[in-house]
């Protein structure tokens, strides 16, 4: 062992010289070109220019690129019953009123992704309770229901009250006005997509709803089409564009100022 230590000491001395501290061999570091200094203009996108549309005079008025589905006059211009025939719903004082037994109505036009504005009113004369009071609904693509109900001092199951995604999501808050007062829904809807399997979403439908200017559904992911009995996932079926449907549930619920923007 002693001989080996002496040999190692001599080897170090022969390489580095007497009295010198061993140094690691220097390696030449490769030098990359310096990056160009960032300027504000490097992250400014000018083209294409954002499309210009004219907003409505108020938040309830339709912007210039909206499709007017009901303006207080002829319901049959844009709506039919579910069989495609003229509807028996009536127009009174600029409002479209559901008629008991007349059935659902649907828009003649079909949509996928959209922004929808619709105003509704339950009867000022209160009759019934729970689901029997001012009941109707707005169906997106004929399949996914936003509940319409008189939920002012009217207790019912939370995922069936006004502004619920019926039987799926309760609203974040109850922001209903009194019976007989006009209320608004502003809806942002993203349609589902499908792959080869026609009973499974590739991307599910998503819905955001503001009621009377208050967020009540925050980009919720729907599990499947609205069902009164059963689990939504059991009833998924591939579909494309669909109509907006309004429900006849036996109560004379009024609708007005209905417009939509395709996204």
Protein backbone atom coordinates (compact mmCIF):
# COMPACT_ATOMS: atom_id res chain seq x y z
CA UNK A 1 0.00 0.00 0.00
CA UNK A 2 2.88 2.39 0.88
CA UNK A 3 4.54 1.76 -2.49
CA UNK A 4 1.29 2.48 -4.28
CA UNK A 5 0.86 5.84 -2.56
CA UNK A 6 4.42 6.86 -3.47
CA UNK A 7 3.83 5.85 -7.09
CA UNK A 8 0.61 7.90 -7.25
CA UNK A 9 2.40 10.95 -5.84
CA UNK A 10 5.16 10.69 -8.42
CA UNK A 11 2.61 10.34 -11.23
CA UNK A 12 0.80 13.51 -10.18
CA UNK A 13 4.10 15.39 -9.90
CA UNK A 14 5.21 14.28 -13.37
CA UNK A 15 2.00 15.47 -14.95
CA UNK A 16 1.42 18.78 -13.16
CA UNK A 17 4.95 19.69 -11.94
CA UNK A 18 6.27 20.24 -8.45
CA UNK A 19 4.36 22.68 -6.25
CA UNK A 20 1.44 22.99 -8.64
CA UNK A 21 -2.17 22.22 -7.71
CA UNK A 22 -3.82 19.79 -10.10
CA UNK A 23 -6.29 21.60 -12.40
CA UNK A 24 -9.13 20.13 -14.38
CA UNK A 25 -8.52 20.36 -18.11
CA UNK A 26 -10.25 23.30 -19.71
CA UNK A 27 -12.95 22.59 -22.22
CA UNK A 28 -14.04 25.12 -24.79
CA UNK A 29 -17.67 26.15 -24.19
CA UNK A 30 -19.68 26.44 -27.40
CA UNK A 31 -21.18 29.92 -27.79
CA UNK A 32 -24.72 30.33 -29.14
CA UNK A 33 -25.81 33.48 -30.94
CA UNK A 34 -27.54 35.94 -28.66
CA UNK A 35 -31.35 36.01 -28.90
CA UNK A 36 -32.88 39.07 -30.46
CA UNK A 37 -34.19 41.44 -27.84
CA UNK A 38 -37.98 41.24 -27.47
CA UNK A 39 -40.00 44.28 -28.47
CA UNK A 40 -43.72 44.99 -27.96
CA UNK A 41 -44.40 44.57 -31.69
CA UNK A 42 -43.25 40.95 -31.70
CA UNK A 43 -46.43 39.91 -29.85
CA UNK A 44 -48.90 42.21 -31.61
CA UNK A 45 -51.25 40.56 -34.10
CA UNK A 46 -52.89 42.94 -36.60
CA UNK A 47 -54.41 40.70 -39.26
CA UNK A 48 -57.07 39.63 -39.83
CA UNK A 49 -58.95 42.47 -38.19
CA UNK A 50 -61.64 41.44 -35.70
CA UNK A 51 -65.09 41.41 -37.29
CA UNK A 52 -67.22 44.44 -36.43
CA UNK A 53 -70.88 44.07 -35.45
CA UNK A 54 -73.21 46.66 -34.03
CA UNK A 55 -74.39 46.00 -30.47
CA UNK A 56 -78.00 46.40 -29.43
CA UNK A 57 -79.11 49.62 -27.79
CA UNK A 58 -79.38 47.68 -24.51
CA UNK A 59 -78.07 44.30 -23.35
CA UNK A 60 -81.47 42.80 -24.20
CA UNK A 61 -81.55 44.14 -27.75
CA UNK A 62 -80.25 41.97 -30.56
CA UNK A 63 -76.86 42.80 -32.08
CA UNK A 64 -76.55 43.25 -35.82
CA UNK A 65 -75.51 39.64 -36.57
CA UNK A 66 -78.32 38.01 -34.57
CA UNK A 67 -81.16 35.94 -36.04
CA UNK A 68 -84.48 37.17 -34.69
CA UNK A 69 -86.59 34.15 -33.74
CA UNK A 70 -89.50 36.11 -32.29
CA UNK A 71 -90.04 39.88 -32.30
CA UNK A 72 -93.58 40.05 -30.94
CA UNK A 73 -95.48 39.51 -34.16
CA UNK A 74 -95.86 36.43 -36.36
CA UNK A 75 -94.90 33.23 -34.53
CA UNK A 76 -95.25 31.11 -37.67
CA UNK A 77 -92.47 33.00 -39.43
CA UNK A 78 -89.82 31.12 -37.44
CA UNK A 79 -91.69 28.44 -35.45
CA UNK A 80 -93.76 25.32 -36.03
CA UNK A 81 -95.16 22.57 -33.87
CA UNK A 82 -92.99 19.47 -33.55
CA UNK A 83 -94.60 17.93 -36.65
CA UNK A 84 -93.73 20.96 -38.75
CA UNK A 85 -97.24 22.40 -38.82
CA UNK A 86 -98.35 25.93 -37.84
CA UNK A 87 -98.41 26.24 -34.06
CA UNK A 88 -101.51 26.85 -31.96
CA UNK A 89 -99.59 29.01 -29.50
CA UNK A 90 -100.93 32.56 -29.46
CA UNK A 91 -99.41 36.02 -29.62
CA UNK A 92 -100.81 38.51 -27.13
CA UNK A 93 -99.43 41.98 -26.32
CA UNK A 94 -96.19 41.14 -28.10
CA UNK A 95 -95.66 37.91 -26.16
CA UNK A 96 -95.76 34.33 -27.38
CA UNK A 97 -98.02 32.37 -25.00
CA UNK A 98 -98.07 28.60 -24.63
CA UNK A 99 -101.49 26.99 -24.93
CA UNK A 100 -102.42 23.93 -22.91
CA UNK A 101 -102.52 20.88 -25.15
CA UNK A 102 -100.93 22.65 -28.14
CA UNK A 103 -97.65 20.79 -27.61
CA UNK A 104 -94.07 21.91 -27.93
CA UNK A 105 -92.98 24.34 -30.62
CA UNK A 106 -89.60 24.42 -32.33
CA UNK A 107 -87.61 26.87 -34.41
CA UNK A 108 -87.59 26.21 -38.14
CA UNK A 109 -83.86 26.83 -38.19
CA UNK A 110 -81.39 24.41 -36.64
CA UNK A 111 -78.28 25.37 -34.70
CA UNK A 112 -75.14 23.94 -33.10
CA UNK A 113 -72.94 26.41 -31.20
CA UNK A 114 -74.72 29.63 -30.28
CA UNK A 115 -75.54 32.51 -27.98
CA UNK A 116 -79.25 32.63 -27.18
CA UNK A 117 -81.28 35.40 -25.58
CA UNK A 118 -84.83 34.69 -24.47
CA UNK A 119 -87.24 36.44 -22.09
CA UNK A 120 -90.01 34.63 -20.25
CA UNK A 121 -92.81 35.29 -17.79
CA UNK A 122 -94.89 33.00 -15.59
CA UNK A 123 -98.54 33.89 -14.90
CA UNK A 124 -99.12 36.71 -12.41
CA UNK A 125 -102.03 34.75 -10.96
CA UNK A 126 -100.37 32.03 -8.90
CA UNK A 127 -101.93 28.58 -9.01
CA UNK A 128 -100.42 25.24 -8.09
CA UNK A 129 -97.13 24.50 -6.40
CA UNK A 130 -93.77 22.87 -7.04
CA UNK A 131 -93.60 21.69 -10.68
CA UNK A 132 -97.24 22.64 -11.31
CA UNK A 133 -96.59 26.38 -11.13
CA UNK A 134 -95.52 28.30 -14.24
CA UNK A 135 -93.77 25.30 -15.80
CA UNK A 136 -92.15 25.36 -19.23
CA UNK A 137 -88.69 24.84 -20.65
CA UNK A 138 -86.16 25.89 -23.27
CA UNK A 139 -84.60 22.94 -25.09
CA UNK A 140 -81.23 23.33 -26.81
CA UNK A 141 -80.85 21.19 -29.95
CA UNK A 142 -84.25 19.71 -28.96
CA UNK A 143 -82.50 17.60 -26.31
CA UNK A 144 -81.08 19.60 -23.41
CA UNK A 145 -83.55 21.50 -21.22
CA UNK A 146 -83.12 24.70 -19.26
CA UNK A 147 -86.04 24.66 -16.87
CA UNK A 148 -88.57 27.49 -16.82
CA UNK A 149 -90.60 27.61 -13.61
CA UNK A 150 -92.11 30.02 -11.13
CA UNK A 151 -89.46 29.50 -8.44
CA UNK A 152 -90.33 32.63 -6.47
CA UNK A 153 -91.25 31.34 -3.00
CA UNK A 154 -92.02 27.96 -4.56
CA UNK A 155 -90.04 25.02 -3.22
CA UNK A 156 -89.33 22.05 -5.49
CA UNK A 157 -86.42 19.68 -6.09
CA UNK A 158 -83.30 21.76 -6.58
CA UNK A 159 -82.32 20.27 -9.95
CA UNK A 160 -85.81 20.99 -11.27
CA UNK A 161 -86.26 24.64 -10.29
CA UNK A 162 -85.94 27.60 -12.66
CA UNK A 163 -82.55 27.86 -14.41
CA UNK A 164 -81.64 24.26 -13.65
CA UNK A 165 -80.27 22.06 -16.38
CA UNK A 166 -83.22 19.82 -15.72
CA UNK A 167 -82.42 16.78 -13.55
CA UNK A 168 -78.68 17.41 -14.00
CA UNK A 169 -77.52 20.72 -12.47
CA UNK A 170 -79.24 22.98 -9.97
CA UNK A 171 -78.68 26.70 -10.56
CA UNK A 172 -75.91 28.34 -8.55
CA UNK A 173 -78.47 30.72 -7.02
CA UNK A 174 -82.20 31.37 -7.17
CA UNK A 175 -82.54 34.78 -8.81
CA UNK A 176 -86.19 34.57 -9.86
CA UNK A 177 -88.39 37.63 -10.06
CA UNK A 178 -91.99 37.69 -8.88
CA UNK A 179 -94.73 35.95 -10.88
CA UNK A 180 -95.89 38.08 -13.79
CA UNK A 181 -92.52 39.86 -14.16
CA UNK A 182 -90.33 39.37 -17.22
CA UNK A 183 -87.11 37.42 -16.74
CA UNK A 184 -84.18 36.74 -19.07
CA UNK A 185 -81.97 33.83 -19.96
CA UNK A 186 -78.72 34.47 -21.79
CA UNK A 187 -77.23 31.17 -22.87
CA UNK A 188 -73.86 30.17 -24.32
CA UNK A 189 -74.03 26.67 -25.78
CA UNK A 190 -71.30 24.45 -27.22
CA UNK A 191 -72.68 21.44 -29.08
CA UNK A 192 -71.27 17.94 -28.53
CA UNK A 193 -69.09 16.07 -31.00
CA UNK A 194 -69.14 12.36 -31.75
CA UNK A 195 -66.73 9.75 -33.08
CA UNK A 196 -67.35 6.34 -34.60
CA UNK A 197 -69.28 5.22 -31.52
CA UNK A 198 -72.57 7.05 -31.90
CA UNK A 199 -73.57 6.64 -28.25
CA UNK A 200 -70.53 8.30 -26.64
CA UNK A 201 -69.54 11.96 -26.73
CA UNK A 202 -66.03 12.79 -27.94
CA UNK A 203 -66.64 16.21 -26.40
CA UNK A 204 -69.85 16.65 -24.38
CA UNK A 205 -72.22 19.62 -24.64
CA UNK A 206 -71.40 22.60 -22.41
CA UNK A 207 -73.77 25.29 -21.20
CA UNK A 208 -73.41 28.66 -19.49
CA UNK A 209 -76.57 30.49 -18.40
CA UNK A 210 -77.15 33.95 -16.96
CA UNK A 211 -80.59 34.59 -15.50
CA UNK A 212 -81.53 38.23 -15.07
CA UNK A 213 -77.86 39.11 -15.53
CA UNK A 214 -76.65 36.70 -12.83
CA UNK A 215 -74.51 33.61 -13.54
CA UNK A 216 -76.55 30.51 -12.71
CA UNK A 217 -74.83 27.79 -14.81
CA UNK A 218 -71.06 28.09 -15.20
CA UNK A 219 -69.87 26.17 -18.28
CA UNK A 220 -71.41 22.93 -17.03
CA UNK A 221 -70.75 19.65 -18.85
CA UNK A 222 -73.99 17.84 -19.65
CA UNK A 223 -74.05 14.10 -19.03
CA UNK A 224 -76.56 13.45 -21.79
CA UNK A 225 -80.00 14.46 -23.08
CA UNK A 226 -82.62 15.60 -20.57
CA UNK A 227 -84.67 12.75 -19.13
CA UNK A 228 -87.60 12.88 -16.72
CA UNK A 229 -87.04 9.25 -15.71
CA UNK A 230 -83.65 7.59 -15.98
CA UNK A 231 -79.98 8.42 -16.25
CA UNK A 232 -78.90 10.81 -19.05
CA UNK A 233 -75.89 8.71 -20.12
CA UNK A 234 -78.20 5.84 -21.13
CA UNK A 235 -79.86 7.88 -23.87
CA UNK A 236 -77.01 9.49 -25.80
CA UNK A 237 -77.40 9.25 -29.57
CA UNK A 238 -75.30 10.93 -32.24
CA UNK A 239 -76.92 14.08 -33.58
CA UNK A 240 -76.15 17.22 -35.54
CA UNK A 241 -77.75 20.68 -35.57
CA UNK A 242 -81.09 20.96 -33.80
CA UNK A 243 -83.92 23.41 -33.21
CA UNK A 244 -84.64 25.51 -30.17
CA UNK A 245 -87.76 24.04 -28.55
CA UNK A 246 -90.20 25.67 -26.15
CA UNK A 247 -92.23 23.41 -23.89
CA UNK A 248 -95.98 23.31 -23.38
CA UNK A 249 -96.37 22.01 -19.83
CA UNK A 250 -99.96 23.10 -19.38
CA UNK A 251 -99.22 26.55 -17.95
CA UNK A 252 -99.69 29.79 -19.94
CA UNK A 253 -96.04 30.89 -19.86
CA UNK A 254 -95.08 33.84 -22.07
CA UNK A 255 -91.95 34.37 -24.17
CA UNK A 256 -90.64 37.41 -26.02
CA UNK A 257 -87.53 38.98 -27.57
CA UNK A 258 -85.94 35.72 -28.71
CA UNK A 259 -82.73 36.04 -30.72
CA UNK A 260 -79.72 33.87 -31.40
CA UNK A 261 -76.16 34.27 -32.67
CA UNK A 262 -74.37 31.37 -34.31
CA UNK A 263 -70.84 30.90 -32.97
